[in-house]
Amino acid sequence: MSGSKNRTSTGAEAQTAVMESSTGDFWGNLIYFMVLSVAISFILANNTVESLTSATGLIILGILLVLDAFPAYHLVRHWMSGRG
């Protein structure tokens, strides 16, 4: 019996630790998302269509968009869990 009680308290402590760290994760993801979004906007605003559609331009934009998708996913997941 004491083993299952200990597991329950350990699970509750782990859940509390996750909830406390999710606030820091939220702000870290938000800052990361904003920095990458500004970088993408800067590249789009300061380049010509020809340079953006070249192989190098597409590769750079592709990498930045993939990197921007990771924090966006976690921000949406955080937003959805707060609504439910």
PDB file of N, CA and C in Angstrom:
ATOM      1  N   MET A   1       0.811  -1.191   0.000  1.00  0.00           N
ATOM      2  CA  MET A   1       0.000   0.000   0.000  1.00  0.00           C
ATOM      3  C   MET A   1       0.855   1.256   0.000  1.00  0.00           C
ATOM      4  N   SER A   2       1.906   1.269   0.789  1.00  0.00           N
ATOM      5  CA  SER A   2       2.728   2.477   0.850  1.00  0.00           C
ATOM      6  C   SER A   2       3.418   2.733  -0.484  1.00  0.00           C
ATOM      7  N   GLY A   3       3.661   1.677  -1.268  1.00  0.00           N
ATOM      8  CA  GLY A   3       4.282   1.860  -2.573  1.00  0.00           C
ATOM      9  C   GLY A   3       3.376   2.611  -3.536  1.00  0.00           C
ATOM     10  N   SER A   4       2.078   2.262  -3.549  1.00  0.00           N
ATOM     11  CA  SER A   4       1.156   2.957  -4.448  1.00  0.00           C
ATOM     12  C   SER A   4       0.894   4.386  -3.975  1.00  0.00           C
ATOM     13  N   LYS A   5       0.870   4.599  -2.667  1.00  0.00           N
ATOM     14  CA  LYS A   5       0.684   5.943  -2.147  1.00  0.00           C
ATOM     15  C   LYS A   5       1.882   6.813  -2.525  1.00  0.00           C
ATOM     16  N   ASN A   6       3.083   6.233  -2.459  1.00  0.00           N
ATOM     17  CA  ASN A   6       4.293   6.970  -2.813  1.00  0.00           C
ATOM     18  C   ASN A   6       4.288   7.313  -4.300  1.00  0.00           C
ATOM     19  N   ARG A   7       3.832   6.383  -5.144  1.00  0.00           N
ATOM     20  CA  ARG A   7       3.761   6.656  -6.585  1.00  0.00           C
ATOM     21  C   ARG A   7       2.776   7.770  -6.887  1.00  0.00           C
ATOM     22  N   THR A   8       1.681   7.803  -6.172  1.00  0.00           N
ATOM     23  CA  THR A   8       0.682   8.853  -6.386  1.00  0.00           C
ATOM     24  C   THR A   8       1.254  10.207  -6.018  1.00  0.00           C
ATOM     25  N   SER A   9       1.936  10.292  -4.886  1.00  0.00           N
ATOM     26  CA  SER A   9       2.511  11.576  -4.487  1.00  0.00           C
ATOM     27  C   SER A   9       3.631  11.982  -5.441  1.00  0.00           C
ATOM     28  N   THR A  10       4.386  11.025  -5.934  1.00  0.00           N
ATOM     29  CA  THR A  10       5.435  11.328  -6.900  1.00  0.00           C
ATOM     30  C   THR A  10       4.817  11.820  -8.203  1.00  0.00           C
ATOM     31  N   GLY A  11       3.714  11.220  -8.633  1.00  0.00           N
ATOM     32  CA  GLY A  11       3.023  11.658  -9.840  1.00  0.00           C
ATOM     33  C   GLY A  11       2.467  13.062  -9.677  1.00  0.00           C
ATOM     34  N   ALA A  12       1.911  13.364  -8.501  1.00  0.00           N
ATOM     35  CA  ALA A  12       1.375  14.702  -8.249  1.00  0.00           C
ATOM     36  C   ALA A  12       2.497  15.734  -8.237  1.00  0.00           C
ATOM     37  N   GLU A  13       3.635  15.358  -7.641  1.00  0.00           N
ATOM     38  CA  GLU A  13       4.779  16.271  -7.622  1.00  0.00           C
ATOM     39  C   GLU A  13       5.307  16.509  -9.025  1.00  0.00           C
ATOM     40  N   ALA A  14       5.328  15.476  -9.838  1.00  0.00           N
ATOM     41  CA  ALA A  14       5.798  15.619 -11.217  1.00  0.00           C
ATOM     42  C   ALA A  14       4.854  16.511 -12.016  1.00  0.00           C
ATOM     43  N   GLN A  15       3.550  16.339 -11.805  1.00  0.00           N
ATOM     44  CA  GLN A  15       2.574  17.167 -12.511  1.00  0.00           C
ATOM     45  C   GLN A  15       2.700  18.625 -12.085  1.00  0.00           C
ATOM     46  N   THR A  16       2.936  18.872 -10.804  1.00  0.00           N
ATOM     47  CA  THR A  16       3.137  20.237 -10.318  1.00  0.00           C
ATOM     48  C   THR A  16       4.388  20.846 -10.931  1.00  0.00           C
ATOM     49  N   ALA A  17       5.458  20.066 -11.030  1.00  0.00           N
ATOM     50  CA  ALA A  17       6.698  20.559 -11.632  1.00  0.00           C
ATOM     51  C   ALA A  17       6.499  20.888 -13.103  1.00  0.00           C
ATOM     52  N   VAL A  18       5.728  20.070 -13.794  1.00  0.00           N
ATOM     53  CA  VAL A  18       5.452  20.335 -15.215  1.00  0.00           C
ATOM     54  C   VAL A  18       4.646  21.614 -15.364  1.00  0.00           C
ATOM     55  N   MET A  19       3.652  21.824 -14.526  1.00  0.00           N
ATOM     56  CA  MET A  19       2.835  23.033 -14.604  1.00  0.00           C
ATOM     57  C   MET A  19       3.663  24.276 -14.318  1.00  0.00           C
ATOM     58  N   GLU A  20       4.593  24.197 -13.351  1.00  0.00           N
ATOM     59  CA  GLU A  20       5.440  25.342 -13.045  1.00  0.00           C
ATOM     60  C   GLU A  20       6.412  25.638 -14.179  1.00  0.00           C
ATOM     61  N   SER A  21       6.939  24.600 -14.817  1.00  0.00           N
ATOM     62  CA  SER A  21       7.894  24.821 -15.894  1.00  0.00           C
ATOM     63  C   SER A  21       7.206  25.230 -17.185  1.00  0.00           C
ATOM     64  N   SER A  22       5.900  24.958 -17.329  1.00  0.00           N
ATOM     65  CA  SER A  22       5.220  25.310 -18.572  1.00  0.00           C
ATOM     66  C   SER A  22       5.114  26.816 -18.744  1.00  0.00           C
ATOM     67  N   THR A  23       5.088  27.572 -17.645  1.00  0.00           N
ATOM     68  CA  THR A  23       5.055  29.025 -17.756  1.00  0.00           C
ATOM     69  C   THR A  23       6.349  29.528 -18.372  1.00  0.00           C
ATOM     70  N   GLY A  24       7.469  28.990 -17.940  1.00  0.00           N
ATOM     71  CA  GLY A  24       8.754  29.370 -18.526  1.00  0.00           C
ATOM     72  C   GLY A  24       8.869  28.915 -19.965  1.00  0.00           C
ATOM     73  N   ASP A  25       8.337  27.735 -20.255  1.00  0.00           N
ATOM     74  CA  ASP A  25       8.345  27.244 -21.626  1.00  0.00           C
ATOM     75  C   ASP A  25       7.513  28.142 -22.523  1.00  0.00           C
ATOM     76  N   PHE A  26       6.394  28.623 -22.006  1.00  0.00           N
ATOM     77  CA  PHE A  26       5.536  29.495 -22.792  1.00  0.00           C
ATOM     78  C   PHE A  26       6.277  30.760 -23.200  1.00  0.00           C
ATOM     79  N   TRP A  27       6.914  31.409 -22.248  1.00  0.00           N
ATOM     80  CA  TRP A  27       7.620  32.664 -22.562  1.00  0.00           C
ATOM     81  C   TRP A  27       8.827  32.417 -23.447  1.00  0.00           C
ATOM     82  N   GLY A  28       9.525  31.317 -23.229  1.00  0.00           N
ATOM     83  CA  GLY A  28      10.653  30.985 -24.099  1.00  0.00           C
ATOM     84  C   GLY A  28      10.196  30.721 -25.518  1.00  0.00           C
ATOM     85  N   ASN A  29       9.114  29.967 -25.679  1.00  0.00           N
ATOM     86  CA  ASN A  29       8.574  29.697 -27.010  1.00  0.00           C
ATOM     87  C   ASN A  29       8.056  30.966 -27.671  1.00  0.00           C
ATOM     88  N   LEU A  30       7.433  31.834 -26.897  1.00  0.00           N
ATOM     89  CA  LEU A  30       6.912  33.077 -27.456  1.00  0.00           C
ATOM     90  C   LEU A  30       8.045  33.967 -27.963  1.00  0.00           C
ATOM     91  N   ILE A  31       9.108  34.094 -27.185  1.00  0.00           N
ATOM     92  CA  ILE A  31      10.245  34.921 -27.601  1.00  0.00           C
ATOM     93  C   ILE A  31      10.918  34.307 -28.825  1.00  0.00           C
ATOM     94  N   TYR A  32      11.115  32.999 -28.816  1.00  0.00           N
ATOM     95  CA  TYR A  32      11.732  32.301 -29.944  1.00  0.00           C
ATOM     96  C   TYR A  32      10.890  32.482 -31.209  1.00  0.00           C
ATOM     97  N   PHE A  33       9.564  32.340 -31.078  1.00  0.00           N
ATOM     98  CA  PHE A  33       8.663  32.510 -32.212  1.00  0.00           C
ATOM     99  C   PHE A  33       8.727  33.946 -32.740  1.00  0.00           C
ATOM    100  N   MET A  34       8.724  34.918 -31.848  1.00  0.00           N
ATOM    101  CA  MET A  34       8.738  36.320 -32.272  1.00  0.00           C
ATOM    102  C   MET A  34      10.053  36.682 -32.971  1.00  0.00           C
ATOM    103  N   VAL A  35      11.180  36.220 -32.462  1.00  0.00           N
ATOM    104  CA  VAL A  35      12.468  36.520 -33.083  1.00  0.00           C
ATOM    105  C   VAL A  35      12.533  35.924 -34.487  1.00  0.00           C
ATOM    106  N   LEU A  36      12.108  34.678 -34.642  1.00  0.00           N
ATOM    107  CA  LEU A  36      12.126  34.063 -35.963  1.00  0.00           C
ATOM    108  C   LEU A  36      11.125  34.709 -36.909  1.00  0.00           C
ATOM    109  N   SER A  37       9.984  35.109 -36.409  1.00  0.00           N
ATOM    110  CA  SER A  37       8.995  35.782 -37.251  1.00  0.00           C
ATOM    111  C   SER A  37       9.511  37.131 -37.736  1.00  0.00           C
ATOM    112  N   VAL A  38      10.196  37.849 -36.874  1.00  0.00           N
ATOM    113  CA  VAL A  38      10.791  39.126 -37.287  1.00  0.00           C
ATOM    114  C   VAL A  38      11.880  38.888 -38.323  1.00  0.00           C
ATOM    115  N   ALA A  39      12.686  37.850 -38.145  1.00  0.00           N
ATOM    116  CA  ALA A  39      13.741  37.542 -39.124  1.00  0.00           C
ATOM    117  C   ALA A  39      13.135  37.194 -40.484  1.00  0.00           C
ATOM    118  N   ILE A  40      12.078  36.404 -40.494  1.00  0.00           N
ATOM    119  CA  ILE A  40      11.413  36.041 -41.752  1.00  0.00           C
ATOM    120  C   ILE A  40      10.818  37.286 -42.404  1.00  0.00           C
ATOM    121  N   SER A  41      10.178  38.132 -41.614  1.00  0.00           N
ATOM    122  CA  SER A  41       9.597  39.362 -42.149  1.00  0.00           C
ATOM    123  C   SER A  41      10.669  40.268 -42.730  1.00  0.00           C
ATOM    124  N   PHE A  42      11.797  40.370 -42.048  1.00  0.00           N
ATOM    125  CA  PHE A  42      12.901  41.197 -42.527  1.00  0.00           C
ATOM    126  C   PHE A  42      13.425  40.674 -43.863  1.00  0.00           C
ATOM    127  N   ILE A  43      13.569  39.372 -43.977  1.00  0.00           N
ATOM    128  CA  ILE A  43      14.046  38.775 -45.229  1.00  0.00           C
ATOM    129  C   ILE A  43      13.040  39.012 -46.347  1.00  0.00           C
ATOM    130  N   LEU A  44      11.764  38.839 -46.074  1.00  0.00           N
ATOM    131  CA  LEU A  44      10.742  39.046 -47.096  1.00  0.00           C
ATOM    132  C   LEU A  44      10.665  40.505 -47.540  1.00  0.00           C
ATOM    133  N   ALA A  45      10.840  41.427 -46.599  1.00  0.00           N
ATOM    134  CA  ALA A  45      10.703  42.847 -46.920  1.00  0.00           C
ATOM    135  C   ALA A  45      11.918  43.407 -47.656  1.00  0.00           C
ATOM    136  N   ASN A  46      13.079  42.835 -47.451  1.00  0.00           N
ATOM    137  CA  ASN A  46      14.300  43.430 -47.978  1.00  0.00           C
ATOM    138  C   ASN A  46      14.937  42.650 -49.120  1.00  0.00           C
ATOM    139  N   ASN A  47      14.190  41.784 -49.759  1.00  0.00           N
ATOM    140  CA  ASN A  47      14.729  41.028 -50.884  1.00  0.00           C
ATOM    141  C   ASN A  47      13.760  41.095 -52.054  1.00  0.00           C
ATOM    142  N   THR A  48      14.295  40.865 -53.225  1.00  0.00           N
ATOM    143  CA  THR A  48      13.458  40.859 -54.421  1.00  0.00           C
ATOM    144  C   THR A  48      12.812  39.491 -54.583  1.00  0.00           C
ATOM    145  N   VAL A  49      11.811  39.450 -55.415  1.00  0.00           N
ATOM    146  CA  VAL A  49      11.114  38.190 -55.678  1.00  0.00           C
ATOM    147  C   VAL A  49      12.078  37.180 -56.297  1.00  0.00           C
ATOM    148  N   GLU A  50      12.963  37.668 -57.181  1.00  0.00           N
ATOM    149  CA  GLU A  50      13.918  36.766 -57.837  1.00  0.00           C
ATOM    150  C   GLU A  50      14.870  36.131 -56.824  1.00  0.00           C
ATOM    151  N   SER A  51      15.339  36.913 -55.863  1.00  0.00           N
ATOM    152  CA  SER A  51      16.262  36.338 -54.875  1.00  0.00           C
ATOM    153  C   SER A  51      15.538  35.408 -53.904  1.00  0.00           C
ATOM    154  N   LEU A  52      14.284  35.700 -53.609  1.00  0.00           N
ATOM    155  CA  LEU A  52      13.522  34.835 -52.705  1.00  0.00           C
ATOM    156  C   LEU A  52      13.170  33.503 -53.356  1.00  0.00           C
ATOM    157  N   THR A  53      12.960  33.504 -54.665  1.00  0.00           N
ATOM    158  CA  THR A  53      12.590  32.263 -55.349  1.00  0.00           C
ATOM    159  C   THR A  53      13.798  31.513 -55.892  1.00  0.00           C
ATOM    160  N   SER A  54      14.996  32.031 -55.651  1.00  0.00           N
ATOM    161  CA  SER A  54      16.186  31.271 -56.045  1.00  0.00           C
ATOM    162  C   SER A  54      16.356  30.087 -55.091  1.00  0.00           C
ATOM    163  N   ALA A  55      17.241  29.186 -55.444  1.00  0.00           N
ATOM    164  CA  ALA A  55      17.448  27.988 -54.613  1.00  0.00           C
ATOM    165  C   ALA A  55      17.902  28.369 -53.204  1.00  0.00           C
ATOM    166  N   THR A  56      18.830  29.290 -53.104  1.00  0.00           N
ATOM    167  CA  THR A  56      19.328  29.698 -51.787  1.00  0.00           C
ATOM    168  C   THR A  56      18.229  30.380 -50.976  1.00  0.00           C
ATOM    169  N   GLY A  57      17.457  31.242 -51.613  1.00  0.00           N
ATOM    170  CA  GLY A  57      16.378  31.926 -50.911  1.00  0.00           C
ATOM    171  C   GLY A  57      15.331  30.962 -50.394  1.00  0.00           C
ATOM    172  N   LEU A  58      14.973  29.990 -51.223  1.00  0.00           N
ATOM    173  CA  LEU A  58      13.984  28.998 -50.788  1.00  0.00           C
ATOM    174  C   LEU A  58      14.504  28.131 -49.655  1.00  0.00           C
ATOM    175  N   ILE A  59      15.781  27.775 -49.713  1.00  0.00           N
ATOM    176  CA  ILE A  59      16.369  26.960 -48.641  1.00  0.00           C
ATOM    177  C   ILE A  59      16.370  27.731 -47.324  1.00  0.00           C
ATOM    178  N   ILE A  60      16.794  28.993 -47.369  1.00  0.00           N
ATOM    179  CA  ILE A  60      16.850  29.801 -46.142  1.00  0.00           C
ATOM    180  C   ILE A  60      15.453  30.010 -45.579  1.00  0.00           C
ATOM    181  N   LEU A  61      14.502  30.370 -46.428  1.00  0.00           N
ATOM    182  CA  LEU A  61      13.128  30.550 -45.948  1.00  0.00           C
ATOM    183  C   LEU A  61      12.535  29.244 -45.426  1.00  0.00           C
ATOM    184  N   GLY A  62      12.843  28.145 -46.084  1.00  0.00           N
ATOM    185  CA  GLY A  62      12.350  26.845 -45.624  1.00  0.00           C
ATOM    186  C   GLY A  62      12.876  26.490 -44.250  1.00  0.00           C
ATOM    187  N   ILE A  63      14.166  26.704 -44.042  1.00  0.00           N
ATOM    188  CA  ILE A  63      14.765  26.410 -42.734  1.00  0.00           C
ATOM    189  C   ILE A  63      14.147  27.288 -41.655  1.00  0.00           C
ATOM    190  N   LEU A  64      14.011  28.584 -41.942  1.00  0.00           N
ATOM    191  CA  LEU A  64      13.422  29.481 -40.942  1.00  0.00           C
ATOM    192  C   LEU A  64      11.964  29.145 -40.650  1.00  0.00           C
ATOM    193  N   LEU A  65      11.213  28.763 -41.661  1.00  0.00           N
ATOM    194  CA  LEU A  65       9.816  28.388 -41.428  1.00  0.00           C
ATOM    195  C   LEU A  65       9.692  27.107 -40.619  1.00  0.00           C
ATOM    196  N   VAL A  66      10.568  26.149 -40.869  1.00  0.00           N
ATOM    197  CA  VAL A  66      10.545  24.905 -40.073  1.00  0.00           C
ATOM    198  C   VAL A  66      10.926  25.205 -38.629  1.00  0.00           C
ATOM    199  N   LEU A  67      11.938  26.043 -38.441  1.00  0.00           N
ATOM    200  CA  LEU A  67      12.326  26.412 -37.076  1.00  0.00           C
ATOM    201  C   LEU A  67      11.226  27.203 -36.375  1.00  0.00           C
ATOM    202  N   ASP A  68      10.467  27.972 -37.126  1.00  0.00           N
ATOM    203  CA  ASP A  68       9.377  28.753 -36.554  1.00  0.00           C
ATOM    204  C   ASP A  68       8.164  27.886 -36.239  1.00  0.00           C
ATOM    205  N   ALA A  69       8.040  26.751 -36.880  1.00  0.00           N
ATOM    206  CA  ALA A  69       6.887  25.867 -36.649  1.00  0.00           C
ATOM    207  C   ALA A  69       6.953  25.198 -35.277  1.00  0.00           C
ATOM    208  N   PHE A  70       8.144  24.917 -34.764  1.00  0.00           N
ATOM    209  CA  PHE A  70       8.255  24.239 -33.472  1.00  0.00           C
ATOM    210  C   PHE A  70       7.678  25.067 -32.324  1.00  0.00           C
ATOM    211  N   PRO A  71       8.098  26.323 -32.134  1.00  0.00           N
ATOM    212  CA  PRO A  71       7.468  27.078 -31.040  1.00  0.00           C
ATOM    213  C   PRO A  71       6.000  27.396 -31.319  1.00  0.00           C
ATOM    214  N   ALA A  72       5.631  27.548 -32.590  1.00  0.00           N
ATOM    215  CA  ALA A  72       4.228  27.817 -32.921  1.00  0.00           C
ATOM    216  C   ALA A  72       3.359  26.644 -32.485  1.00  0.00           C
ATOM    217  N   TYR A  73       3.817  25.429 -32.717  1.00  0.00           N
ATOM    218  CA  TYR A  73       3.074  24.233 -32.308  1.00  0.00           C
ATOM    219  C   TYR A  73       2.863  24.228 -30.793  1.00  0.00           C
ATOM    220  N   HIS A  74       3.934  24.515 -30.042  1.00  0.00           N
ATOM    221  CA  HIS A  74       3.836  24.486 -28.586  1.00  0.00           C
ATOM    222  C   HIS A  74       2.978  25.640 -28.060  1.00  0.00           C
ATOM    223  N   LEU A  75       3.020  26.792 -28.723  1.00  0.00           N
ATOM    224  CA  LEU A  75       2.164  27.901 -28.310  1.00  0.00           C
ATOM    225  C   LEU A  75       0.699  27.588 -28.557  1.00  0.00           C
ATOM    226  N   VAL A  76       0.384  26.979 -29.682  1.00  0.00           N
ATOM    227  CA  VAL A  76      -0.997  26.602 -29.971  1.00  0.00           C
ATOM    228  C   VAL A  76      -1.465  25.530 -29.001  1.00  0.00           C
ATOM    229  N   ARG A  77      -0.604  24.569 -28.712  1.00  0.00           N
ATOM    230  CA  ARG A  77      -0.962  23.517 -27.760  1.00  0.00           C
ATOM    231  C   ARG A  77      -1.206  24.105 -26.365  1.00  0.00           C
ATOM    232  N   HIS A  78      -0.366  25.059 -25.966  1.00  0.00           N
ATOM    233  CA  HIS A  78      -0.541  25.717 -24.665  1.00  0.00           C
ATOM    234  C   HIS A  78      -1.857  26.493 -24.653  1.00  0.00           C
ATOM    235  N   TRP A  79      -2.172  27.195 -25.736  1.00  0.00           N
ATOM    236  CA  TRP A  79      -3.392  27.969 -25.827  1.00  0.00           C
ATOM    237  C   TRP A  79      -4.613  27.049 -25.782  1.00  0.00           C
ATOM    238  N   MET A  80      -4.543  25.931 -26.491  1.00  0.00           N
ATOM    239  CA  MET A  80      -5.667  24.992 -26.520  1.00  0.00           C
ATOM    240  C   MET A  80      -5.879  24.330 -25.153  1.00  0.00           C
ATOM    241  N   SER A  81      -4.804  24.033 -24.427  1.00  0.00           N
ATOM    242  CA  SER A  81      -4.963  23.407 -23.113  1.00  0.00           C
ATOM    243  C   SER A  81      -5.536  24.395 -22.104  1.00  0.00           C
ATOM    244  N   GLY A  82      -5.280  25.675 -22.284  1.00  0.00           N
ATOM    245  CA  GLY A  82      -5.842  26.677 -21.395  1.00  0.00           C
ATOM    246  C   GLY A  82      -7.322  26.906 -21.616  1.00  0.00           C
ATOM    247  N   ARG A  83      -7.794  26.616 -22.814  1.00  0.00           N
ATOM    248  CA  ARG A  83      -9.203  26.806 -23.147  1.00  0.00           C
ATOM    249  C   ARG A  83     -10.041  25.612 -22.732  1.00  0.00           C
ATOM    250  N   GLY A  84      -9.393  24.429 -22.565  1.00  0.00           N
ATOM    251  CA  GLY A  84     -10.166  23.221 -22.313  1.00  0.00           C
ATOM    252  C   GLY A  84     -10.340  22.854 -20.924  1.00  0.00           C
TER     253      GLY A  84
END
